[in-house]
């Protein structure tokens, strides 16, 4: 779907104004999939999965990738500027205030930041619960997710090692489905 660049930029600025504490992808999901219907849930999920394994900040990667899918190269640049500019300006102002007035334990500022962190976790959980049935639609997906959760979340293996182990496994598990879904594919489906 090709989206007019002005609408695209506005949507990403809107996300940049409210995305905080790790809840950026949840806000992108709300804005792009749920409110505007510019992308299907499965397509968004695949995009975020790709952007999570790329180097760099996931939120910025996702915004740039979504912007390119929806508006070409200009859309990617505008999406990235849209999500990063509000946060960068706010960070500049907060940094100025912090260095000017200092951080005092137990202060109103510390309490406010704790509330922001809790709200961000709530956004992430809400998005995860909504996307889980779509992403975990087969036993192999559940087992793959469980393997990553155990190795990274519980055993605290380095992320790079987990990716090097599970990305090829995931590709092998889904290779035949991808080959069948790709029109005119020359890849021979296995098994």
Protein backbone atom coordinates (compact mmCIF):
# COMPACT_ATOMS: atom_id res chain seq x y z
CA UNK A 1 0.00 0.00 0.00
CA UNK A 2 1.39 3.41 -0.98
CA UNK A 3 0.59 6.08 1.61
CA UNK A 4 0.81 9.84 0.91
CA UNK A 5 4.02 11.16 2.44
CA UNK A 6 2.31 13.88 4.48
CA UNK A 7 -0.01 11.34 6.14
CA UNK A 8 2.90 8.98 6.68
CA UNK A 9 5.04 11.65 8.35
CA UNK A 10 2.15 12.79 10.55
CA UNK A 11 1.49 9.21 11.71
CA UNK A 12 5.14 8.66 12.64
CA UNK A 13 5.43 12.03 14.42
CA UNK A 14 2.33 11.07 16.37
CA UNK A 15 4.03 7.81 17.38
CA UNK A 16 7.23 9.66 18.24
CA UNK A 17 5.30 11.93 20.61
CA UNK A 18 3.83 9.07 22.65
CA UNK A 19 6.37 6.23 22.32
CA UNK A 20 8.46 5.95 25.44
CA UNK A 21 10.27 3.40 27.56
CA UNK A 22 10.48 0.61 25.02
CA UNK A 23 6.85 0.87 23.95
CA UNK A 24 7.66 2.28 20.52
CA UNK A 25 6.84 -0.84 18.52
CA UNK A 26 3.55 -1.18 20.40
CA UNK A 27 2.69 2.38 19.37
CA UNK A 28 3.73 1.71 15.77
CA UNK A 29 1.46 -1.34 15.76
CA UNK A 30 -1.46 0.71 17.08
CA UNK A 31 -0.91 3.52 14.56
CA UNK A 32 -0.12 1.51 11.42
CA UNK A 33 -2.13 -1.70 11.81
CA UNK A 34 -5.03 -1.03 14.17
CA UNK A 35 -5.96 2.63 13.62
CA UNK A 36 -5.05 3.19 9.98
CA UNK A 37 -5.10 -0.32 8.51
CA UNK A 38 -2.09 0.41 6.32
CA UNK A 39 -0.63 -3.03 6.94
CA UNK A 40 -1.88 -6.48 7.90
CA UNK A 41 -0.98 -7.87 11.31
CA UNK A 42 1.09 -10.71 9.84
CA UNK A 43 3.08 -8.30 7.65
CA UNK A 44 3.76 -6.04 10.65
CA UNK A 45 4.83 -9.01 12.73
CA UNK A 46 7.24 -10.17 10.02
CA UNK A 47 8.65 -6.64 9.73
CA UNK A 48 9.28 -6.35 13.45
CA UNK A 49 10.86 -9.80 13.52
CA UNK A 50 13.29 -8.76 10.79
CA UNK A 51 14.08 -5.46 12.50
CA UNK A 52 14.78 -7.19 15.83
CA UNK A 53 17.63 -9.25 14.38
CA UNK A 54 19.27 -6.33 12.54
CA UNK A 55 21.97 -4.31 14.30
CA UNK A 56 20.91 -0.95 15.66
CA UNK A 57 17.94 0.33 17.62
CA UNK A 58 14.86 -1.81 16.94
CA UNK A 59 12.40 1.09 17.10
CA UNK A 60 14.34 3.17 14.56
CA UNK A 61 14.91 0.14 12.31
CA UNK A 62 11.21 -0.71 12.40
CA UNK A 63 10.09 2.85 11.69
CA UNK A 64 12.47 3.21 8.73
CA UNK A 65 11.47 -0.18 7.31
CA UNK A 66 7.74 0.49 7.71
CA UNK A 67 8.17 3.93 6.16
CA UNK A 68 9.95 2.45 3.15
CA UNK A 69 7.28 -0.21 2.68
CA UNK A 70 4.53 2.39 2.86
CA UNK A 71 6.17 5.33 1.06
CA UNK A 72 9.42 4.31 -0.62
CA UNK A 73 12.80 5.79 0.26
CA UNK A 74 11.31 9.20 1.08
CA UNK A 75 8.78 7.46 3.31
CA UNK A 76 11.57 5.68 5.16
CA UNK A 77 13.44 8.92 5.79
CA UNK A 78 10.28 10.76 6.88
CA UNK A 79 9.22 7.91 9.16
CA UNK A 80 12.61 7.85 10.84
CA UNK A 81 12.61 11.62 11.29
CA UNK A 82 9.03 11.48 12.53
CA UNK A 83 9.65 8.98 15.30
CA UNK A 84 13.05 10.29 16.40
CA UNK A 85 12.60 14.07 16.39
CA UNK A 86 10.05 14.39 19.25
CA UNK A 87 12.06 12.09 21.53
CA UNK A 88 15.36 13.77 20.66
CA UNK A 89 13.93 17.21 21.49
CA UNK A 90 12.40 15.94 24.72
CA UNK A 91 15.68 14.23 25.69
CA UNK A 92 17.54 17.48 25.09
CA UNK A 93 15.11 19.37 27.35
CA UNK A 94 15.16 16.69 30.05
CA UNK A 95 18.96 16.54 29.96
CA UNK A 96 19.12 20.29 30.37
CA UNK A 97 16.71 20.12 33.33
CA UNK A 98 18.61 17.22 34.89
CA UNK A 99 21.98 18.97 34.72
CA UNK A 100 20.44 22.26 35.84
CA UNK A 101 18.43 20.95 38.80
CA UNK A 102 19.93 17.51 39.44
CA UNK A 103 18.19 14.24 40.25
CA UNK A 104 17.04 13.85 43.81
CA UNK A 105 16.09 10.34 45.00
CA UNK A 106 12.43 10.23 45.99
CA UNK A 107 11.65 13.35 43.99
CA UNK A 108 8.59 13.94 41.87
CA UNK A 109 10.74 13.45 38.74
CA UNK A 110 11.89 10.02 39.90
CA UNK A 111 8.31 8.98 40.66
CA UNK A 112 7.15 10.19 37.26
CA UNK A 113 9.86 8.17 35.50
CA UNK A 114 8.83 5.06 37.45
CA UNK A 115 5.26 5.58 36.23
CA UNK A 116 6.45 5.98 32.65
CA UNK A 117 8.41 2.71 32.90
CA UNK A 118 5.36 0.85 34.24
CA UNK A 119 3.16 2.21 31.46
CA UNK A 120 5.70 1.17 28.83
CA UNK A 121 5.76 -2.38 30.17
CA UNK A 122 1.96 -2.43 30.01
CA UNK A 123 2.04 -1.36 26.35
CA UNK A 124 4.57 -4.05 25.50
CA UNK A 125 2.52 -6.73 27.28
CA UNK A 126 -0.71 -5.65 25.58
CA UNK A 127 0.91 -5.79 22.14
CA UNK A 128 2.55 -9.13 22.90
CA UNK A 129 -0.76 -10.67 23.98
CA UNK A 130 -2.45 -9.43 20.82
CA UNK A 131 0.30 -10.64 18.47
CA UNK A 132 1.04 -13.99 20.16
CA UNK A 133 -1.87 -15.91 18.56
CA UNK A 134 -0.77 -14.71 15.11
CA UNK A 135 2.93 -15.44 15.57
CA UNK A 136 2.54 -18.68 17.51
CA UNK A 137 0.11 -20.35 15.13
CA UNK A 138 1.95 -23.67 14.86
CA UNK A 139 3.78 -26.03 17.20
CA UNK A 140 7.11 -25.26 15.50
CA UNK A 141 6.61 -21.54 16.18
CA UNK A 142 5.83 -22.22 19.84
CA UNK A 143 8.90 -24.46 20.20
CA UNK A 144 11.13 -21.90 18.47
CA UNK A 145 9.84 -19.10 20.72
CA UNK A 146 10.26 -21.30 23.79
CA UNK A 147 13.84 -22.15 22.78
CA UNK A 148 14.73 -18.48 22.43
CA UNK A 149 12.99 -17.64 25.71
CA UNK A 150 14.86 -20.33 27.62
CA UNK A 151 18.31 -19.64 26.15
CA UNK A 152 18.13 -15.85 26.19
CA UNK A 153 15.62 -15.11 28.94
CA UNK A 154 16.41 -17.79 31.50
CA UNK A 155 19.94 -19.00 30.74
CA UNK A 156 21.14 -15.49 29.74
CA UNK A 157 23.09 -16.64 26.70
CA UNK A 158 24.51 -13.75 24.63
CA UNK A 159 21.99 -12.43 22.12
CA UNK A 160 24.36 -12.96 19.19
CA UNK A 161 24.75 -16.64 20.08
CA UNK A 162 20.98 -17.09 20.40
CA UNK A 163 20.45 -15.44 17.00
CA UNK A 164 23.18 -17.50 15.36
CA UNK A 165 21.52 -20.63 16.72
CA UNK A 166 17.83 -19.93 16.21
CA UNK A 167 17.67 -17.83 13.02
CA UNK A 168 18.95 -20.73 10.85
CA UNK A 169 16.66 -23.14 12.70
CA UNK A 170 13.68 -20.85 12.06
CA UNK A 171 14.62 -20.45 8.42
CA UNK A 172 14.90 -24.22 8.00
CA UNK A 173 11.56 -24.81 9.71
CA UNK A 174 9.74 -22.31 7.50
CA UNK A 175 11.67 -22.70 4.22
CA UNK A 176 9.07 -24.83 2.46
CA UNK A 177 6.20 -22.52 3.48
CA UNK A 178 8.09 -19.50 2.20
CA UNK A 179 8.85 -21.26 -1.10
CA UNK A 180 5.18 -22.16 -1.59
CA UNK A 181 4.02 -18.63 -0.81
CA UNK A 182 6.49 -16.98 -3.21
CA UNK A 183 4.93 -16.77 -6.69
CA UNK A 184 7.22 -18.05 -9.43
CA UNK A 185 9.76 -19.20 -6.89
CA UNK A 186 12.50 -21.42 -8.21
CA UNK A 187 13.21 -22.75 -4.73
CA UNK A 188 12.23 -26.37 -4.39
CA UNK A 189 10.08 -26.99 -1.31
CA UNK A 190 11.43 -29.72 0.97
CA UNK A 191 9.55 -32.66 2.47
